[in-house]
Amino acid sequence: MTRHALIGGGTGFVGTRLVNHLTSQGYDVTVVSRMPGLKRITWHQLEKDGIPKGVTSVVNLAGQNVLDPSRRWTAGFKQNVWNSRVNSASSLVKAIEKSGGVDAFVNISGVSHYPANDNKVYTENDKVEGFDFMSRLCLEWEKAATLPDNSTARGIKLRTGVVVGREGGMIQSIWMPFNLGLGGPMGTGKQILPWIHLEDLCRLIQHCLESKNCRGVLNAVAPDIVTNGEFSKIFASALRRPCLFPVPEFVVDLMFGKDRSALLLNGAKIEPKRTLETGFNFKYPTAKVACQEVVQKK
């Protein structure tokens, strides 16, 4: 039987790699995006016509890029960040329930609702809570992505850390200063940086689509728990550059605003306990091997 994945938000940093990955694994892939095109449908078409015929799994990656430094943290942009995540998840859940032919639904959210605690390592079994904008967004995002109890599809909620890949995200934004020998940690550098390599995230999504062991919340973070400062030194070392110039907290706050800067200045210790129990193996389990792969010439 042909495996056909529908990907919400499949044109961004993670989505582009996921489309290529699943295609290489024998999947047919259709993307839901704002613009129509080859092997694409729009969100309006999804709402009007439902899930395309033959789709066996759905992945939701949709959401406005939060850490876009070119966008000021205005009330309007905050609302767009919120709506783009919550509304897309809600739309896909409704479409899945009308379809009835989907085996698995994977929704990608974040880890911001694990509060930072030096004495605690969180697993998927721990309670999450809303204490700031990003944590409340994660709660509502996951609530919108919850399938009804009587659904025939498996619902999987992947909570991702910072996605490490050459093509975008954090690495793209820090590449130039680090390559010039001007890089350093954000703030004190003592805050935890939950992370996952882009290839491992794509492999984990495929694992969730295919493994009946995958259901409910899974932490999509590498098992190597590091601070922002440690990651910065490892990345600089992979580039064979020094790591000498920390970015003060007030500068990060000025660049991104308080709500967004929390993503860079606060982080919890998170373990992928249930993820490993499903039988998934990380190809890049440590920051060292992940950074070495990222800096290799493509």
Protein backbone atom coordinates (compact mmCIF):
# COMPACT_ATOMS: atom_id res chain seq x y z
CA MET A 1 0.00 0.00 0.00
CA THR A 2 1.26 3.46 -0.91
CA ARG A 3 2.22 5.66 2.02
CA HIS A 4 0.99 9.20 1.49
CA ALA A 5 1.84 11.98 3.97
CA LEU A 6 0.11 15.34 4.15
CA ILE A 7 2.40 17.98 5.68
CA GLY A 8 1.06 21.25 7.05
CA GLY A 9 3.72 23.91 6.69
CA GLY A 10 6.03 21.83 4.52
CA THR A 11 7.90 24.70 2.87
CA GLY A 12 9.99 25.98 5.80
CA PHE A 13 13.32 24.95 7.33
CA VAL A 14 12.11 21.66 8.83
CA GLY A 15 9.35 21.05 6.28
CA THR A 16 11.61 21.20 3.24
CA ARG A 17 13.99 18.61 4.72
CA LEU A 18 11.08 16.42 5.87
CA VAL A 19 9.51 16.40 2.39
CA ASN A 20 12.84 15.30 0.90
CA HIS A 21 13.37 12.69 3.63
CA LEU A 22 9.94 11.09 3.35
CA THR A 23 10.09 11.14 -0.45
CA SER A 24 13.44 9.32 -0.31
CA GLN A 25 11.76 6.72 1.94
CA GLY A 26 9.08 5.96 -0.65
CA TYR A 27 6.30 8.27 0.55
CA ASP A 28 4.01 10.32 -1.64
CA VAL A 29 3.95 13.80 -0.08
CA THR A 30 1.41 16.61 -0.36
CA VAL A 31 2.05 19.95 1.35
CA VAL A 32 -0.53 22.32 2.84
CA SER A 33 0.66 25.90 2.37
CA ARG A 34 -0.63 29.39 1.74
CA MET A 35 0.24 29.17 -1.95
CA PRO A 36 -1.07 26.53 -4.39
CA GLY A 37 1.34 24.54 -6.55
CA LEU A 38 2.52 21.10 -7.63
CA LYS A 39 1.74 18.52 -4.92
CA ARG A 40 0.31 21.29 -2.74
CA ILE A 41 -3.09 22.32 -1.44
CA THR A 42 -3.97 25.54 0.36
CA TRP A 43 -5.41 25.78 3.87
CA HIS A 44 -8.63 27.04 2.29
CA GLN A 45 -8.80 23.94 0.09
CA LEU A 46 -8.21 21.74 3.14
CA GLU A 47 -11.09 23.40 4.97
CA LYS A 48 -13.38 23.19 1.93
CA ASP A 49 -12.49 19.76 0.49
CA GLY A 50 -10.88 17.95 3.43
CA ILE A 51 -7.92 15.56 3.43
CA PRO A 52 -6.90 14.54 -0.13
CA LYS A 53 -7.86 11.02 -1.15
CA GLY A 54 -5.25 8.39 -0.32
CA VAL A 55 -3.52 10.28 2.53
CA THR A 56 -2.48 7.82 5.26
CA SER A 57 -0.68 10.17 7.68
CA VAL A 58 -0.60 13.86 8.59
CA VAL A 59 2.23 15.99 10.02
CA ASN A 60 1.75 19.56 11.24
CA LEU A 61 4.80 21.84 11.13
CA ALA A 62 2.90 25.06 10.43
CA GLY A 63 3.67 28.24 12.33
CA GLN A 64 5.05 31.73 11.90
CA ASN A 65 8.80 31.86 12.57
CA VAL A 66 9.01 33.19 16.14
CA LEU A 67 12.70 34.14 16.09
CA ASP A 68 12.62 36.18 12.89
CA PRO A 69 14.78 39.18 13.89
CA SER A 70 13.35 41.23 11.03
CA ARG A 71 9.89 41.15 12.66
CA ARG A 72 9.21 43.39 15.63
CA TRP A 73 7.43 41.76 18.58
CA THR A 74 4.19 43.72 18.14
CA ALA A 75 0.71 42.72 19.31
CA GLY A 76 -0.18 41.86 15.72
CA PHE A 77 2.88 39.65 15.21
CA LYS A 78 2.26 37.88 18.53
CA GLN A 79 -1.30 37.14 17.43
CA ASN A 80 -0.01 35.78 14.12
CA VAL A 81 2.49 33.54 15.94
CA TRP A 82 -0.34 32.22 18.14
CA ASN A 83 -3.01 31.81 15.44
CA SER A 84 -0.71 30.22 12.86
CA ARG A 85 -0.01 27.35 15.28
CA VAL A 86 -3.32 26.87 17.07
CA ASN A 87 -5.53 27.34 14.00
CA SER A 88 -3.50 25.03 11.76
CA ALA A 89 -3.58 22.25 14.37
CA SER A 90 -7.32 22.70 14.85
CA SER A 91 -7.98 22.67 11.08
CA LEU A 92 -6.03 19.45 10.59
CA VAL A 93 -7.78 17.70 13.49
CA LYS A 94 -11.19 18.59 12.01
CA ALA A 95 -10.12 17.40 8.55
CA ILE A 96 -8.72 14.13 9.94
CA GLU A 97 -11.97 13.36 11.74
CA LYS A 98 -14.00 13.98 8.58
CA SER A 99 -11.62 11.83 6.52
CA GLY A 100 -11.49 8.68 8.63
CA GLY A 101 -8.63 7.20 6.57
CA VAL A 102 -5.64 8.64 8.44
CA ASP A 103 -3.49 6.27 10.52
CA ALA A 104 -1.32 8.81 12.37
CA PHE A 105 -1.23 12.53 13.14
CA VAL A 106 2.05 14.07 14.30
CA ASN A 107 1.93 17.63 15.65
CA ILE A 108 5.19 19.48 16.30
CA SER A 109 5.17 21.83 19.28
CA GLY A 110 7.87 23.13 21.63
CA VAL A 111 9.30 22.55 25.10
CA SER A 112 8.61 26.00 26.56
CA HIS A 113 5.99 24.68 29.01
CA TYR A 114 8.67 22.76 30.95
CA PRO A 115 9.75 25.40 33.52
CA ALA A 116 13.49 25.79 34.05
CA ASN A 117 14.64 24.04 37.23
CA ASP A 118 18.30 23.29 38.00
CA ASN A 119 17.34 20.33 40.21
CA LYS A 120 14.87 18.66 37.85
CA VAL A 121 15.19 16.58 34.67
CA TYR A 122 11.82 16.41 32.94
CA THR A 123 10.38 13.44 31.05
CA GLU A 124 7.14 13.12 29.07
CA ASN A 125 5.42 12.00 32.29
CA ASP A 126 5.94 15.34 34.03
CA LYS A 127 3.29 18.02 34.23
CA VAL A 128 3.68 21.06 31.99
CA GLU A 129 2.35 24.50 32.87
CA GLY A 130 1.68 27.96 31.50
CA PHE A 131 3.78 30.72 33.05
CA ASP A 132 4.60 33.06 30.13
CA PHE A 133 3.53 33.69 26.52
CA MET A 134 5.49 30.80 24.97
CA SER A 135 4.46 28.23 27.58
CA ARG A 136 0.79 29.20 27.30
CA LEU A 137 1.08 28.97 23.53
CA CYS A 138 2.48 25.42 23.77
CA LEU A 139 -0.44 24.39 25.99
CA GLU A 140 -3.07 25.78 23.61
CA TRP A 141 -1.18 24.41 20.59
CA GLU A 142 -1.25 20.88 22.01
CA LYS A 143 -4.87 21.25 23.10
CA ALA A 144 -5.84 22.21 19.53
CA ALA A 145 -3.87 19.21 18.20
CA THR A 146 -5.69 16.68 20.40
CA LEU A 147 -7.73 14.09 18.52
CA PRO A 148 -11.06 12.94 20.02
CA ASP A 149 -10.90 9.85 22.25
CA ASN A 150 -12.80 7.82 19.68
CA SER A 151 -10.50 8.74 16.80
CA THR A 152 -9.18 5.87 14.67
CA ALA A 153 -5.91 7.79 14.11
CA ARG A 154 -2.96 7.72 16.51
CA GLY A 155 -2.17 11.19 17.83
CA ILE A 156 1.49 12.02 18.56
CA LYS A 157 2.67 15.32 20.05
CA LEU A 158 6.38 15.89 19.47
CA ARG A 159 7.89 18.52 21.77
CA THR A 160 11.02 19.76 20.02
CA GLY A 161 14.01 21.63 21.27
CA VAL A 162 16.10 23.96 19.08
CA VAL A 163 16.46 22.25 15.69
CA VAL A 164 20.12 22.07 14.65
CA GLY A 165 20.69 22.14 10.89
CA ARG A 166 22.82 24.03 8.39
CA GLU A 167 19.91 25.29 6.30
CA GLY A 168 18.12 27.45 8.88
CA GLY A 169 17.05 28.00 12.46
CA MET A 170 19.53 28.92 15.17
CA ILE A 171 22.60 27.66 13.27
CA GLN A 172 21.89 29.87 10.28
CA SER A 173 21.52 32.93 12.53
CA ILE A 174 24.77 32.34 14.45
CA TRP A 175 26.86 30.98 11.57
CA MET A 176 28.44 34.25 10.41
CA PRO A 177 29.58 35.66 13.79
CA PHE A 178 30.94 32.25 14.86
CA ASN A 179 32.68 31.72 11.52
CA LEU A 180 34.31 35.13 11.91
CA GLY A 181 35.53 34.20 15.40
CA LEU A 182 33.05 36.62 17.02
CA GLY A 183 30.61 34.06 18.44
CA GLY A 184 29.68 33.32 22.01
CA PRO A 185 26.86 32.21 24.29
CA MET A 186 23.60 34.07 24.81
CA GLY A 187 23.39 35.80 28.20
CA THR A 188 25.25 33.99 30.97
CA GLY A 189 25.45 30.79 28.90
CA LYS A 190 24.42 28.79 31.98
CA GLN A 191 20.86 28.22 30.76
CA ILE A 192 20.01 24.78 29.36
CA LEU A 193 19.60 24.47 25.58
CA PRO A 194 17.28 21.58 24.63
CA TRP A 195 18.11 20.66 21.01
CA ILE A 196 17.73 18.03 18.27
CA HIS A 197 19.53 17.53 14.96
CA LEU A 198 17.33 18.20 11.92
CA GLU A 199 17.94 14.75 10.44
CA ASP A 200 17.01 13.06 13.72
CA LEU A 201 13.78 15.08 13.87
CA CYS A 202 12.84 13.92 10.36
CA ARG A 203 13.74 10.31 11.24
CA LEU A 204 11.70 10.56 14.45
CA ILE A 205 8.66 11.89 12.57
CA GLN A 206 8.89 8.92 10.16
CA HIS A 207 9.27 6.57 13.15
CA CYS A 208 6.09 8.04 14.67
CA LEU A 209 4.16 7.59 11.43
CA GLU A 210 5.16 3.93 11.16
CA SER A 211 5.45 2.63 14.72
CA LYS A 212 2.31 1.66 16.64
CA ASN A 213 4.39 2.20 19.82
CA CYS A 214 4.24 5.95 19.23
CA ARG A 215 1.26 7.66 20.80
CA GLY A 216 0.73 10.73 22.97
CA VAL A 217 3.58 13.04 24.06
CA LEU A 218 7.17 12.36 22.97
CA ASN A 219 10.11 14.66 23.71
CA ALA A 220 11.97 15.40 20.47
CA VAL A 221 15.22 16.41 22.16
CA ALA A 222 18.63 14.75 22.01
CA PRO A 223 19.69 12.85 25.14
CA ASP A 224 22.79 15.08 25.54
CA ILE A 225 21.78 17.84 27.99
CA VAL A 226 24.00 20.90 27.50
CA THR A 227 23.99 24.57 28.44
CA ASN A 228 23.94 27.35 25.87
CA GLY A 229 27.56 28.08 26.79
CA GLU A 230 28.63 24.45 26.30
CA PHE A 231 26.86 24.24 22.95
CA SER A 232 28.47 27.50 21.84
CA LYS A 233 31.95 26.18 22.68
CA ILE A 234 31.28 22.88 20.90
CA PHE A 235 30.00 24.69 17.79
CA ALA A 236 32.96 27.09 17.78
CA SER A 237 35.36 24.16 18.19
CA ALA A 238 33.76 22.33 15.23
CA LEU A 239 34.38 25.49 13.16
CA ARG A 240 37.90 25.72 14.64
CA ARG A 241 37.13 29.18 15.96
CA PRO A 242 37.32 30.76 19.44
CA CYS A 243 34.24 31.32 21.59
CA LEU A 244 34.96 34.65 23.25
CA PHE A 245 32.09 37.10 22.80
CA PRO A 246 28.94 36.44 24.84
CA VAL A 247 25.80 38.38 23.91
CA PRO A 248 24.54 40.16 27.08
CA GLU A 249 20.98 39.43 28.20
CA PHE A 250 19.84 43.04 27.73
CA VAL A 251 20.98 42.91 24.08
CA VAL A 252 18.98 39.68 23.49
CA ASP A 253 15.96 41.36 25.14
CA LEU A 254 16.36 44.41 22.90
CA MET A 255 16.70 42.28 19.77
CA PHE A 256 13.76 39.96 20.37
CA GLY A 257 11.63 41.34 23.22
CA LYS A 258 11.03 39.66 26.58
CA ASP A 259 8.61 36.99 25.33
CA ARG A 260 10.88 35.75 22.55
CA SER A 261 14.17 36.14 24.39
CA ALA A 262 12.90 33.57 26.92
CA LEU A 263 13.42 30.93 24.23
CA LEU A 264 17.13 31.76 24.22
CA LEU A 265 17.74 32.74 27.85
CA ASN A 266 15.74 30.06 29.70
CA GLY A 267 15.69 26.32 29.20
CA ALA A 268 14.80 23.16 31.11
CA LYS A 269 16.65 19.87 31.42
CA ILE A 270 14.59 17.46 29.31
CA GLU A 271 15.07 13.76 28.69
CA PRO A 272 13.55 11.85 25.71
CA LYS A 273 12.53 8.93 27.95
CA ARG A 274 9.40 7.73 26.16
CA THR A 275 10.95 8.50 22.77
CA LEU A 276 13.78 6.05 23.48
CA GLU A 277 11.32 3.50 24.90
CA THR A 278 9.50 3.41 21.53
CA GLY A 279 12.67 2.00 19.98
CA PHE A 280 13.96 5.19 18.35
CA ASN A 281 17.76 5.60 18.12
CA PHE A 282 19.36 9.00 17.68
CA LYS A 283 21.90 9.26 14.87
CA TYR A 284 23.28 12.46 16.48
CA PRO A 285 22.90 11.90 20.24
CA THR A 286 25.57 14.42 21.33
CA ALA A 287 26.12 18.10 20.56
CA LYS A 288 29.65 17.27 19.40
CA VAL A 289 28.62 14.86 16.61
CA ALA A 290 25.70 17.13 15.64
CA CYS A 291 27.91 20.20 15.29
CA GLN A 292 30.57 18.25 13.41
CA GLU A 293 27.95 17.18 10.85
CA VAL A 294 26.57 20.71 10.53
CA VAL A 295 29.94 22.31 9.73
CA GLN A 296 30.96 19.74 7.11
CA LYS A 297 31.17 21.28 3.63
CA LYS A 298 28.03 20.50 1.65
